[in-house]
Amino acid sequence: QRELVAKIIRDGSTNYADSVKGRFTISRDNAKNTVYLQMKSL
């Protein structure tokens, strides 16, 4: 099934799946309406 990896709220708060904590980082640029997911130690 489709699962949540990471989510970032407008105030900057974030949620991560336990399986990716410490390896993935989510960020967003509100001015550009863009969200990024940096994935390391894949």
Full PDB file with SEQRES, HELIX, SHEET, SSBOND, CRYST1, ORIGX, SCALE, CONECT and MASTER records, all heavy atoms in Angstrom:
SEQRES   1 A   42  GLN ARG GLU LEU VAL ALA LYS ILE ILE ARG ASP GLY SER          
SEQRES   2 A   42  THR ASN TYR ALA ASP SER VAL LYS GLY ARG PHE THR ILE          
SEQRES   3 A   42  SER ARG ASP ASN ALA LYS ASN THR VAL TYR LEU GLN MET          
SEQRES   4 A   42  LYS SER LEU                                                  
HELIX    1 AA1 ASP A   18  VAL A   20  5                                   3    
HELIX    2 AA2 ASN A   30  LYS A   32  5                                   3    
SHEET    1 AA1 2 ALA A   6  ILE A   8  0                                        
SHEET    2 AA1 2 THR A  14  TYR A  16 -1                                        
SHEET    1 AA2 2 PHE A  24  ASP A  29  0                                        
SHEET    2 AA2 2 THR A  34  MET A  39 -1                                        
CRYST1    1.000    1.000    1.000  90.00  90.00  90.00 P 1           1          
ORIGX1      1.000000  0.000000  0.000000        0.00000                         
ORIGX2      0.000000  1.000000  0.000000        0.00000                         
ORIGX3      0.000000  0.000000  1.000000        0.00000                         
SCALE1      1.000000  0.000000  0.000000        0.00000                         
SCALE2      0.000000  1.000000  0.000000        0.00000                         
SCALE3      0.000000  0.000000  1.000000        0.00000                         
ATOM      1  N   GLN A   1       0.833  -1.195   0.000  1.00  0.00           N  
ATOM      2  CA  GLN A   1       0.000   0.000   0.000  1.00  0.00           C  
ATOM      3  C   GLN A   1       0.872   1.250   0.000  1.00  0.00           C  
ATOM      4  O   GLN A   1       2.030   1.236   0.428  1.00  0.00           O  
ATOM      5  CB  GLN A   1      -0.894  -0.002   1.247  1.00  0.00           C  
ATOM      6  CG  GLN A   1      -2.005  -1.039   1.209  1.00  0.00           C  
ATOM      7  CD  GLN A   1      -2.986  -0.874   2.351  1.00  0.00           C  
ATOM      8  OE1 GLN A   1      -2.619  -0.403   3.433  1.00  0.00           O  
ATOM      9  NE2 GLN A   1      -4.232  -1.242   2.129  1.00  0.00           N  
ATOM     10  N   ARG A   2       0.290   2.324  -0.488  1.00  0.00           N  
ATOM     11  CA  ARG A   2       0.982   3.599  -0.460  1.00  0.00           C  
ATOM     12  C   ARG A   2       1.122   4.041   0.994  1.00  0.00           C  
ATOM     13  O   ARG A   2       0.182   3.937   1.783  1.00  0.00           O  
ATOM     14  CB  ARG A   2       0.217   4.636  -1.267  1.00  0.00           C  
ATOM     15  CG  ARG A   2       0.970   5.907  -1.532  1.00  0.00           C  
ATOM     16  CD  ARG A   2       0.214   6.819  -2.487  1.00  0.00           C  
ATOM     17  NE  ARG A   2       0.038   6.209  -3.794  1.00  0.00           N  
ATOM     18  CZ  ARG A   2      -0.444   6.869  -4.853  1.00  0.00           C  
ATOM     19  NH1 ARG A   2      -0.782   8.142  -4.745  1.00  0.00           N  
ATOM     20  NH2 ARG A   2      -0.604   6.258  -6.001  1.00  0.00           N  
ATOM     21  N   GLU A   3       2.319   4.541   1.336  1.00  0.00           N  
ATOM     22  CA  GLU A   3       2.572   4.937   2.704  1.00  0.00           C  
ATOM     23  C   GLU A   3       3.211   6.313   2.769  1.00  0.00           C  
ATOM     24  O   GLU A   3       3.917   6.729   1.845  1.00  0.00           O  
ATOM     25  CB  GLU A   3       3.498   3.918   3.394  1.00  0.00           C  
ATOM     26  CG  GLU A   3       4.865   3.798   2.766  1.00  0.00           C  
ATOM     27  CD  GLU A   3       5.812   2.879   3.531  1.00  0.00           C  
ATOM     28  OE1 GLU A   3       5.398   2.303   4.548  1.00  0.00           O  
ATOM     29  OE2 GLU A   3       6.970   2.761   3.097  1.00  0.00           O  
ATOM     30  N   LEU A   4       2.979   6.981   3.880  1.00  0.00           N  
ATOM     31  CA  LEU A   4       3.595   8.284   4.106  1.00  0.00           C  
ATOM     32  C   LEU A   4       5.091   8.109   4.340  1.00  0.00           C  
ATOM     33  O   LEU A   4       5.507   7.257   5.127  1.00  0.00           O  
ATOM     34  CB  LEU A   4       2.960   8.958   5.314  1.00  0.00           C  
ATOM     35  CG  LEU A   4       3.633  10.247   5.786  1.00  0.00           C  
ATOM     36  CD1 LEU A   4       3.421  11.367   4.775  1.00  0.00           C  
ATOM     37  CD2 LEU A   4       3.092  10.665   7.153  1.00  0.00           C  
ATOM     38  N   VAL A   5       5.877   8.932   3.669  1.00  0.00           N  
ATOM     39  CA  VAL A   5       7.317   8.972   3.908  1.00  0.00           C  
ATOM     40  C   VAL A   5       7.648  10.164   4.795  1.00  0.00           C  
ATOM     41  O   VAL A   5       8.285  10.015   5.839  1.00  0.00           O  
ATOM     42  CB  VAL A   5       8.098   9.079   2.583  1.00  0.00           C  
ATOM     43  CG1 VAL A   5       9.590   9.205   2.861  1.00  0.00           C  
ATOM     44  CG2 VAL A   5       7.801   7.881   1.685  1.00  0.00           C  
ATOM     45  N   ALA A   6       7.222  11.337   4.368  1.00  0.00           N  
ATOM     46  CA  ALA A   6       7.495  12.553   5.131  1.00  0.00           C  
ATOM     47  C   ALA A   6       6.496  13.621   4.729  1.00  0.00           C  
ATOM     48  O   ALA A   6       6.026  13.646   3.590  1.00  0.00           O  
ATOM     49  CB  ALA A   6       8.919  13.043   4.893  1.00  0.00           C  
ATOM     50  N   LYS A   7       6.216  14.501   5.684  1.00  0.00           N  
ATOM     51  CA  LYS A   7       5.244  15.554   5.454  1.00  0.00           C  
ATOM     52  C   LYS A   7       5.709  16.796   6.176  1.00  0.00           C  
ATOM     53  O   LYS A   7       6.274  16.709   7.271  1.00  0.00           O  
ATOM     54  CB  LYS A   7       3.893  15.100   5.992  1.00  0.00           C  
ATOM     55  CG  LYS A   7       2.729  16.021   5.758  1.00  0.00           C  
ATOM     56  CD  LYS A   7       1.461  15.339   6.279  1.00  0.00           C  
ATOM     57  CE  LYS A   7       0.240  16.146   6.045  1.00  0.00           C  
ATOM     58  NZ  LYS A   7      -0.990  15.461   6.505  1.00  0.00           N  
ATOM     59  N   ILE A   8       5.495  17.959   5.550  1.00  0.00           N  
ATOM     60  CA  ILE A   8       5.874  19.213   6.189  1.00  0.00           C  
ATOM     61  C   ILE A   8       4.680  20.150   6.142  1.00  0.00           C  
ATOM     62  O   ILE A   8       4.055  20.344   5.096  1.00  0.00           O  
ATOM     63  CB  ILE A   8       7.127  19.831   5.526  1.00  0.00           C  
ATOM     64  CG1 ILE A   8       7.550  21.096   6.272  1.00  0.00           C  
ATOM     65  CG2 ILE A   8       6.926  20.088   4.039  1.00  0.00           C  
ATOM     66  CD1 ILE A   8       8.963  21.557   5.904  1.00  0.00           C  
ATOM     67  N   ILE A   9       4.367  20.703   7.302  1.00  0.00           N  
ATOM     68  CA  ILE A   9       3.224  21.591   7.437  1.00  0.00           C  
ATOM     69  C   ILE A   9       3.689  23.022   7.164  1.00  0.00           C  
ATOM     70  O   ILE A   9       4.886  23.314   7.209  1.00  0.00           O  
ATOM     71  CB  ILE A   9       2.628  21.477   8.854  1.00  0.00           C  
ATOM     72  CG1 ILE A   9       2.448  20.007   9.242  1.00  0.00           C  
ATOM     73  CG2 ILE A   9       1.284  22.216   8.940  1.00  0.00           C  
ATOM     74  CD1 ILE A   9       1.557  19.224   8.296  1.00  0.00           C  
ATOM     75  N   ARG A  10       2.736  23.896   6.917  1.00  0.00           N  
ATOM     76  CA  ARG A  10       3.065  25.268   6.564  1.00  0.00           C  
ATOM     77  C   ARG A  10       3.919  25.953   7.634  1.00  0.00           C  
ATOM     78  O   ARG A  10       4.770  26.774   7.316  1.00  0.00           O  
ATOM     79  CB  ARG A  10       1.789  26.071   6.320  1.00  0.00           C  
ATOM     80  CG  ARG A  10       2.057  27.462   5.782  1.00  0.00           C  
ATOM     81  CD  ARG A  10       0.782  28.152   5.336  1.00  0.00           C  
ATOM     82  NE  ARG A  10       1.068  29.444   4.746  1.00  0.00           N  
ATOM     83  CZ  ARG A  10       1.429  29.627   3.489  1.00  0.00           C  
ATOM     84  NH1 ARG A  10       1.529  28.579   2.684  1.00  0.00           N  
ATOM     85  NH2 ARG A  10       1.673  30.824   3.034  1.00  0.00           N  
ATOM     86  N   ASP A  11       3.710  25.571   8.901  1.00  0.00           N  
ATOM     87  CA  ASP A  11       4.481  26.212   9.971  1.00  0.00           C  
ATOM     88  C   ASP A  11       5.890  25.634  10.095  1.00  0.00           C  
ATOM     89  O   ASP A  11       6.658  26.038  10.966  1.00  0.00           O  
ATOM     90  CB  ASP A  11       3.747  26.101  11.310  1.00  0.00           C  
ATOM     91  CG  ASP A  11       3.574  24.648  11.767  1.00  0.00           C  
ATOM     92  OD1 ASP A  11       4.050  23.731  11.085  1.00  0.00           O  
ATOM     93  OD2 ASP A  11       2.941  24.445  12.820  1.00  0.00           O  
ATOM     94  N   GLY A  12       6.196  24.661   9.239  1.00  0.00           N  
ATOM     95  CA  GLY A  12       7.522  24.061   9.249  1.00  0.00           C  
ATOM     96  C   GLY A  12       7.643  22.766  10.013  1.00  0.00           C  
ATOM     97  O   GLY A  12       8.686  22.108   9.952  1.00  0.00           O  
ATOM     98  N   SER A  13       6.625  22.386  10.747  1.00  0.00           N  
ATOM     99  CA  SER A  13       6.687  21.128  11.485  1.00  0.00           C  
ATOM    100  C   SER A  13       6.676  19.955  10.508  1.00  0.00           C  
ATOM    101  O   SER A  13       6.110  20.056   9.409  1.00  0.00           O  
ATOM    102  CB  SER A  13       5.524  21.017  12.467  1.00  0.00           C  
ATOM    103  OG  SER A  13       4.286  21.109  11.791  1.00  0.00           O  
ATOM    104  N   THR A  14       7.304  18.874  10.904  1.00  0.00           N  
ATOM    105  CA  THR A  14       7.484  17.731  10.013  1.00  0.00           C  
ATOM    106  C   THR A  14       7.064  16.414  10.668  1.00  0.00           C  
ATOM    107  O   THR A  14       7.092  16.274  11.888  1.00  0.00           O  
ATOM    108  CB  THR A  14       8.953  17.608   9.578  1.00  0.00           C  
ATOM    109  OG1 THR A  14       9.779  17.498  10.734  1.00  0.00           O  
ATOM    110  CG2 THR A  14       9.384  18.818   8.758  1.00  0.00           C  
ATOM    111  N   ASN A  15       6.696  15.471   9.835  1.00  0.00           N  
ATOM    112  CA  ASN A  15       6.426  14.100  10.255  1.00  0.00           C  
ATOM    113  C   ASN A  15       7.211  13.168   9.346  1.00  0.00           C  
ATOM    114  O   ASN A  15       7.295  13.409   8.136  1.00  0.00           O  
ATOM    115  CB  ASN A  15       4.935  13.752  10.115  1.00  0.00           C  
ATOM    116  CG  ASN A  15       4.065  14.535  11.062  1.00  0.00           C  
ATOM    117  OD1 ASN A  15       4.461  14.822  12.182  1.00  0.00           O  
ATOM    118  ND2 ASN A  15       2.875  14.877  10.618  1.00  0.00           N  
ATOM    119  N   TYR A  16       7.761  12.113   9.917  1.00  0.00           N  
ATOM    120  CA  TYR A  16       8.514  11.133   9.135  1.00  0.00           C  
ATOM    121  C   TYR A  16       8.049   9.726   9.482  1.00  0.00           C  
ATOM    122  O   TYR A  16       7.713   9.431  10.630  1.00  0.00           O  
ATOM    123  CB  TYR A  16      10.009  11.219   9.429  1.00  0.00           C  
ATOM    124  CG  TYR A  16      10.692  12.465   8.946  1.00  0.00           C  
ATOM    125  CD1 TYR A  16      10.861  13.563   9.780  1.00  0.00           C  
ATOM    126  CD2 TYR A  16      11.172  12.550   7.642  1.00  0.00           C  
ATOM    127  CE1 TYR A  16      11.480  14.714   9.339  1.00  0.00           C  
ATOM    128  CE2 TYR A  16      11.812  13.694   7.191  1.00  0.00           C  
ATOM    129  CZ  TYR A  16      11.965  14.776   8.044  1.00  0.00           C  
ATOM    130  OH  TYR A  16      12.596  15.912   7.595  1.00  0.00           O  
ATOM    131  N   ALA A  17       8.098   8.865   8.491  1.00  0.00           N  
ATOM    132  CA  ALA A  17       7.913   7.450   8.780  1.00  0.00           C  
ATOM    133  C   ALA A  17       9.105   6.970   9.609  1.00  0.00           C  
ATOM    134  O   ALA A  17      10.237   7.432   9.404  1.00  0.00           O  
ATOM    135  CB  ALA A  17       7.829   6.651   7.480  1.00  0.00           C  
ATOM    136  N   ASP A  18       8.862   6.064  10.522  1.00  0.00           N  
ATOM    137  CA  ASP A  18       9.948   5.571  11.373  1.00  0.00           C  
ATOM    138  C   ASP A  18      11.094   4.995  10.545  1.00  0.00           C  
ATOM    139  O   ASP A  18      12.259   5.115  10.913  1.00  0.00           O  
ATOM    140  CB  ASP A  18       9.418   4.498  12.337  1.00  0.00           C  
ATOM    141  CG  ASP A  18       8.543   5.082  13.429  1.00  0.00           C  
ATOM    142  OD1 ASP A  18       8.601   6.307  13.656  1.00  0.00           O  
ATOM    143  OD2 ASP A  18       7.792   4.315  14.060  1.00  0.00           O  
ATOM    144  N   SER A  19      10.763   4.389   9.424  1.00  0.00           N  
ATOM    145  CA  SER A  19      11.770   3.713   8.607  1.00  0.00           C  
ATOM    146  C   SER A  19      12.754   4.669   7.938  1.00  0.00           C  
ATOM    147  O   SER A  19      13.812   4.240   7.465  1.00  0.00           O  
ATOM    148  CB  SER A  19      11.086   2.854   7.541  1.00  0.00           C  
ATOM    149  OG  SER A  19      10.277   3.655   6.704  1.00  0.00           O  
ATOM    150  N   VAL A  20      12.407   5.956   7.888  1.00  0.00           N  
ATOM    151  CA  VAL A  20      13.284   6.910   7.198  1.00  0.00           C  
ATOM    152  C   VAL A  20      13.868   7.965   8.135  1.00  0.00           C  
ATOM    153  O   VAL A  20      14.698   8.779   7.702  1.00  0.00           O  
ATOM    154  CB  VAL A  20      12.564   7.605   6.030  1.00  0.00           C  
ATOM    155  CG1 VAL A  20      11.948   6.566   5.095  1.00  0.00           C  
ATOM    156  CG2 VAL A  20      11.512   8.587   6.515  1.00  0.00           C  
ATOM    157  N   LYS A  21      13.456   7.956   9.379  1.00  0.00           N  
ATOM    158  CA  LYS A  21      13.964   8.957  10.327  1.00  0.00           C  
ATOM    159  C   LYS A  21      15.486   8.872  10.427  1.00  0.00           C  
ATOM    160  O   LYS A  21      16.058   7.798  10.527  1.00  0.00           O  
ATOM    161  CB  LYS A  21      13.341   8.730  11.701  1.00  0.00           C  
ATOM    162  CG  LYS A  21      11.902   9.195  11.804  1.00  0.00           C  
ATOM    163  CD  LYS A  21      11.343   8.964  13.204  1.00  0.00           C  
ATOM    164  CE  LYS A  21       9.902   9.430  13.303  1.00  0.00           C  
ATOM    165  NZ  LYS A  21       9.311   9.159  14.634  1.00  0.00           N  
ATOM    166  N   GLY A  22      16.111  10.039  10.379  1.00  0.00           N  
ATOM    167  CA  GLY A  22      17.569  10.089  10.449  1.00  0.00           C  
ATOM    168  C   GLY A  22      18.259   9.934   9.113  1.00  0.00           C  
ATOM    169  O   GLY A  22      19.460  10.167   9.011  1.00  0.00           O  
ATOM    170  N   ARG A  23      17.505   9.531   8.090  1.00  0.00           N  
ATOM    171  CA  ARG A  23      18.114   9.352   6.762  1.00  0.00           C  
ATOM    172  C   ARG A  23      17.521  10.319   5.738  1.00  0.00           C  
ATOM    173  O   ARG A  23      18.208  10.752   4.819  1.00  0.00           O  
ATOM    174  CB  ARG A  23      17.893   7.915   6.274  1.00  0.00           C  
ATOM    175  CG  ARG A  23      18.507   6.859   7.160  1.00  0.00           C  
ATOM    176  CD  ARG A  23      18.408   5.461   6.519  1.00  0.00           C  
ATOM    177  NE  ARG A  23      17.045   5.022   6.318  1.00  0.00           N  
ATOM    178  CZ  ARG A  23      16.521   4.700   5.127  1.00  0.00           C  
ATOM    179  NH1 ARG A  23      17.269   4.788   4.033  1.00  0.00           N  
ATOM    180  NH2 ARG A  23      15.270   4.295   5.031  1.00  0.00           N  
ATOM    181  N   PHE A  24      16.231  10.626   5.872  1.00  0.00           N  
ATOM    182  CA  PHE A  24      15.553  11.507   4.925  1.00  0.00           C  
ATOM    183  C   PHE A  24      15.257  12.846   5.596  1.00  0.00           C  
ATOM    184  O   PHE A  24      14.971  12.902   6.797  1.00  0.00           O  
ATOM    185  CB  PHE A  24      14.241  10.900   4.465  1.00  0.00           C  
ATOM    186  CG  PHE A  24      14.367   9.672   3.596  1.00  0.00           C  
ATOM    187  CD1 PHE A  24      15.570   9.017   3.412  1.00  0.00           C  
ATOM    188  CD2 PHE A  24      13.238   9.158   2.952  1.00  0.00           C  
ATOM    189  CE1 PHE A  24      15.669   7.898   2.612  1.00  0.00           C  
ATOM    190  CE2 PHE A  24      13.321   8.035   2.158  1.00  0.00           C  
ATOM    191  CZ  PHE A  24      14.538   7.396   1.995  1.00  0.00           C  
ATOM    192  N   THR A  25      15.298  13.898   4.789  1.00  0.00           N  
ATOM    193  CA  THR A  25      14.962  15.230   5.291  1.00  0.00           C  
ATOM    194  C   THR A  25      14.021  15.903   4.302  1.00  0.00           C  
ATOM    195  O   THR A  25      14.336  16.007   3.114  1.00  0.00           O  
ATOM    196  CB  THR A  25      16.212  16.099   5.467  1.00  0.00           C  
ATOM    197  OG1 THR A  25      17.118  15.454   6.356  1.00  0.00           O  
ATOM    198  CG2 THR A  25      15.836  17.458   6.035  1.00  0.00           C  
ATOM    199  N   ILE A  26      12.891  16.361   4.798  1.00  0.00           N  
ATOM    200  CA  ILE A  26      11.948  17.082   3.960  1.00  0.00           C  
ATOM    201  C   ILE A  26      12.072  18.574   4.229  1.00  0.00           C  
ATOM    202  O   ILE A  26      12.307  18.993   5.369  1.00  0.00           O  
ATOM    203  CB  ILE A  26      10.497  16.592   4.201  1.00  0.00           C  
ATOM    204  CG1 ILE A  26       9.548  17.169   3.144  1.00  0.00           C  
ATOM    205  CG2 ILE A  26      10.023  16.928   5.613  1.00  0.00           C  
ATOM    206  CD1 ILE A  26       8.172  16.537   3.153  1.00  0.00           C  
ATOM    207  N   SER A  27      11.948  19.360   3.173  1.00  0.00           N  
ATOM    208  CA  SER A  27      11.990  20.815   3.318  1.00  0.00           C  
ATOM    209  C   SER A  27      11.096  21.421   2.251  1.00  0.00           C  
ATOM    210  O   SER A  27      10.692  20.747   1.300  1.00  0.00           O  
ATOM    211  CB  SER A  27      13.425  21.336   3.180  1.00  0.00           C  
ATOM    212  OG  SER A  27      13.956  21.006   1.907  1.00  0.00           O  
ATOM    213  N   ARG A  28      10.763  22.677   2.420  1.00  0.00           N  
ATOM    214  CA  ARG A  28       9.911  23.335   1.439  1.00  0.00           C  
ATOM    215  C   ARG A  28      10.304  24.781   1.271  1.00  0.00           C  
ATOM    216  O   ARG A  28      10.838  25.405   2.190  1.00  0.00           O  
ATOM    217  CB  ARG A  28       8.433  23.199   1.821  1.00  0.00           C  
ATOM    218  CG  ARG A  28       8.029  23.906   3.088  1.00  0.00           C  
ATOM    219  CD  ARG A  28       6.589  23.606   3.483  1.00  0.00           C  
ATOM    220  NE  ARG A  28       5.629  24.366   2.693  1.00  0.00           N  
ATOM    221  CZ  ARG A  28       4.319  24.318   2.870  1.00  0.00           C  
ATOM    222  NH1 ARG A  28       3.810  23.516   3.790  1.00  0.00           N  
ATOM    223  NH2 ARG A  28       3.499  25.042   2.133  1.00  0.00           N  
ATOM    224  N   ASP A  29      10.016  25.285   0.083  1.00  0.00           N  
ATOM    225  CA  ASP A  29      10.194  26.684  -0.242  1.00  0.00           C  
ATOM    226  C   ASP A  29       8.804  27.233  -0.513  1.00  0.00           C  
ATOM    227  O   ASP A  29       8.238  27.004  -1.580  1.00  0.00           O  
ATOM    228  CB  ASP A  29      11.110  26.826  -1.459  1.00  0.00           C  
ATOM    229  CG  ASP A  29      11.437  28.266  -1.788  1.00  0.00           C  
ATOM    230  OD1 ASP A  29      10.620  29.149  -1.448  1.00  0.00           O  
ATOM    231  OD2 ASP A  29      12.482  28.511  -2.403  1.00  0.00           O  
ATOM    232  N   ASN A  30       8.238  27.913   0.467  1.00  0.00           N  
ATOM    233  CA  ASN A  30       6.860  28.398   0.329  1.00  0.00           C  
ATOM    234  C   ASN A  30       6.709  29.391  -0.818  1.00  0.00           C  
ATOM    235  O   ASN A  30       5.682  29.419  -1.493  1.00  0.00           O  
ATOM    236  CB  ASN A  30       6.395  29.047   1.635  1.00  0.00           C  
ATOM    237  CG  ASN A  30       6.189  28.036   2.742  1.00  0.00           C  
ATOM    238  OD1 ASN A  30       5.886  26.867   2.485  1.00  0.00           O  
ATOM    239  ND2 ASN A  30       6.361  28.458   3.982  1.00  0.00           N  
ATOM    240  N   ALA A  31       7.743  30.188  -1.047  1.00  0.00           N  
ATOM    241  CA  ALA A  31       7.664  31.192  -2.115  1.00  0.00           C  
ATOM    242  C   ALA A  31       7.576  30.530  -3.485  1.00  0.00           C  
ATOM    243  O   ALA A  31       6.981  31.079  -4.410  1.00  0.00           O  
ATOM    244  CB  ALA A  31       8.863  32.118  -2.043  1.00  0.00           C  
ATOM    245  N   LYS A  32       8.162  29.339  -3.604  1.00  0.00           N  
ATOM    246  CA  LYS A  32       8.171  28.631  -4.890  1.00  0.00           C  
ATOM    247  C   LYS A  32       7.163  27.491  -4.935  1.00  0.00           C  
ATOM    248  O   LYS A  32       7.100  26.760  -5.919  1.00  0.00           O  
ATOM    249  CB  LYS A  32       9.569  28.081  -5.174  1.00  0.00           C  
ATOM    250  CG  LYS A  32      10.645  29.134  -5.344  1.00  0.00           C  
ATOM    251  CD  LYS A  32      11.990  28.494  -5.653  1.00  0.00           C  
ATOM    252  CE  LYS A  32      13.068  29.543  -5.859  1.00  0.00           C  
ATOM    253  NZ  LYS A  32      14.391  28.934  -6.150  1.00  0.00           N  
ATOM    254  N   ASN A  33       6.410  27.308  -3.854  1.00  0.00           N  
ATOM    255  CA  ASN A  33       5.459  26.180  -3.798  1.00  0.00           C  
ATOM    256  C   ASN A  33       6.156  24.859  -4.100  1.00  0.00           C  
ATOM    257  O   ASN A  33       5.611  24.001  -4.813  1.00  0.00           O  
ATOM    258  CB  ASN A  33       4.295  26.378  -4.778  1.00  0.00           C  
ATOM    259  CG  ASN A  33       3.160  27.187  -4.181  1.00  0.00           C  
ATOM    260  OD1 ASN A  33       3.288  27.740  -3.095  1.00  0.00           O  
ATOM    261  ND2 ASN A  33       2.060  27.263  -4.889  1.00  0.00           N  
ATOM    262  N   THR A  34       7.348  24.696  -3.580  1.00  0.00           N  
ATOM    263  CA  THR A  34       8.163  23.522  -3.889  1.00  0.00           C  
ATOM    264  C   THR A  34       8.542  22.784  -2.610  1.00  0.00           C  
ATOM    265  O   THR A  34       8.884  23.419  -1.602  1.00  0.00           O  
ATOM    266  CB  THR A  34       9.431  23.925  -4.649  1.00  0.00           C  
ATOM    267  OG1 THR A  34       9.051  24.570  -5.873  1.00  0.00           O  
ATOM    268  CG2 THR A  34      10.278  22.710  -4.986  1.00  0.00           C  
ATOM    269  N   VAL A  35       8.483  21.471  -2.693  1.00  0.00           N  
ATOM    270  CA  VAL A  35       8.893  20.619  -1.575  1.00  0.00           C  
ATOM    271  C   VAL A  35      10.021  19.709  -2.041  1.00  0.00           C  
ATOM    272  O   VAL A  35      10.037  19.277  -3.198  1.00  0.00           O  
ATOM    273  CB  VAL A  35       7.705  19.800  -1.031  1.00  0.00           C  
ATOM    274  CG1 VAL A  35       7.147  18.843  -2.070  1.00  0.00           C  
ATOM    275  CG2 VAL A  35       8.089  19.066   0.252  1.00  0.00           C  
ATOM    276  N   TYR A  36      10.955  19.461  -1.146  1.00  0.00           N  
ATOM    277  CA  TYR A  36      12.120  18.645  -1.453  1.00  0.00           C  
ATOM    278  C   TYR A  36      12.199  17.461  -0.478  1.00  0.00           C  
ATOM    279  O   TYR A  36      11.772  17.574   0.671  1.00  0.00           O  
ATOM    280  CB  TYR A  36      13.410  19.464  -1.335  1.00  0.00           C  
ATOM    281  CG  TYR A  36      13.402  20.729  -2.142  1.00  0.00           C  
ATOM    282  CD1 TYR A  36      13.038  21.944  -1.571  1.00  0.00           C  
ATOM    283  CD2 TYR A  36      13.765  20.723  -3.486  1.00  0.00           C  
ATOM    284  CE1 TYR A  36      13.024  23.113  -2.301  1.00  0.00           C  
ATOM    285  CE2 TYR A  36      13.760  21.892  -4.231  1.00  0.00           C  
ATOM    286  CZ  TYR A  36      13.391  23.085  -3.637  1.00  0.00           C  
ATOM    287  OH  TYR A  36      13.370  24.234  -4.367  1.00  0.00           O  
ATOM    288  N   LEU A  37      12.771  16.390  -0.949  1.00  0.00           N  
ATOM    289  CA  LEU A  37      13.049  15.252  -0.073  1.00  0.00           C  
ATOM    290  C   LEU A  37      14.494  14.816  -0.327  1.00  0.00           C  
ATOM    291  O   LEU A  37      14.806  14.273  -1.386  1.00  0.00           O  
ATOM    292  CB  LEU A  37      12.092  14.093  -0.340  1.00  0.00           C  
ATOM    293  CG  LEU A  37      12.248  12.903   0.623  1.00  0.00           C  
ATOM    294  CD1 LEU A  37      11.794  13.299   2.031  1.00  0.00           C  
ATOM    295  CD2 LEU A  37      11.447  11.694   0.131  1.00  0.00           C  
ATOM    296  N   GLN A  38      15.344  15.101   0.639  1.00  0.00           N  
ATOM    297  CA  GLN A  38      16.733  14.668   0.560  1.00  0.00           C  
ATOM    298  C   GLN A  38      16.822  13.278   1.189  1.00  0.00           C  
ATOM    299  O   GLN A  38      16.475  13.104   2.359  1.00  0.00           O  
ATOM    300  CB  GLN A  38      17.640  15.636   1.297  1.00  0.00           C  
ATOM    301  CG  GLN A  38      19.106  15.238   1.290  1.00  0.00           C  
ATOM    302  CD  GLN A  38      19.732  15.292  -0.078  1.00  0.00           C  
ATOM    303  OE1 GLN A  38      19.654  16.307  -0.767  1.00  0.00           O  
ATOM    304  NE2 GLN A  38      20.345  14.187  -0.510  1.00  0.00           N  
ATOM    305  N   MET A  39      17.277  12.315   0.411  1.00  0.00           N  
ATOM    306  CA  MET A  39      17.343  10.935   0.876  1.00  0.00           C  
ATOM    307  C   MET A  39      18.800  10.496   0.920  1.00  0.00           C  
ATOM    308  O   MET A  39      19.501  10.563  -0.101  1.00  0.00           O  
ATOM    309  CB  MET A  39      16.544  10.019  -0.063  1.00  0.00           C  
ATOM    310  CG  MET A  39      15.092  10.443  -0.243  1.00  0.00           C  
ATOM    311  SD  MET A  39      14.134   9.309  -1.240  1.00  0.00           S  
ATOM    312  CE  MET A  39      14.883   9.567  -2.835  1.00  0.00           C  
ATOM    313  N   LYS A  40      19.247  10.066   2.078  1.00  0.00           N  
ATOM    314  CA  LYS A  40      20.614   9.609   2.251  1.00  0.00           C  
ATOM    315  C   LYS A  40      20.612   8.185   2.800  1.00  0.00           C  
ATOM    316  O   LYS A  40      19.611   7.707   3.312  1.00  0.00           O  
ATOM    317  CB  LYS A  40      21.365  10.538   3.206  1.00  0.00           C  
ATOM    318  CG  LYS A  40      21.495  11.957   2.714  1.00  0.00           C  
ATOM    319  CD  LYS A  40      22.257  12.825   3.714  1.00  0.00           C  
ATOM    320  CE  LYS A  40      22.407  14.256   3.201  1.00  0.00           C  
ATOM    321  NZ  LYS A  40      23.147  15.116   4.168  1.00  0.00           N  
ATOM    322  N   SER A  41      21.754   7.543   2.725  1.00  0.00           N  
ATOM    323  CA  SER A  41      21.899   6.166   3.228  1.00  0.00           C  
ATOM    324  C   SER A  41      20.768   5.282   2.711  1.00  0.00           C  
ATOM    325  O   SER A  41      20.136   4.545   3.469  1.00  0.00           O  
ATOM    326  CB  SER A  41      21.921   6.158   4.757  1.00  0.00           C  
ATOM    327  OG  SER A  41      22.976   6.955   5.246  1.00  0.00           O  
ATOM    328  N   LEU A  42      20.524   5.371   1.436  1.00  0.00           N  
ATOM    329  CA  LEU A  42      19.410   4.632   0.845  1.00  0.00           C  
ATOM    330  C   LEU A  42      19.609   3.136   0.944  1.00  0.00           C  
ATOM    331  O   LEU A  42      20.750   2.638   0.857  1.00  0.00           O  
ATOM    332  CB  LEU A  42      19.214   5.049  -0.608  1.00  0.00           C  
ATOM    333  CG  LEU A  42      18.503   6.402  -0.782  1.00  0.00           C  
ATOM    334  CD1 LEU A  42      18.763   6.985  -2.156  1.00  0.00           C  
ATOM    335  CD2 LEU A  42      17.011   6.257  -0.537  1.00  0.00           C  
TER     336      LEU A  42                                                      
MASTER        0    0    0    2    4    0    0    6  335    1    0    4          
END                                                                             
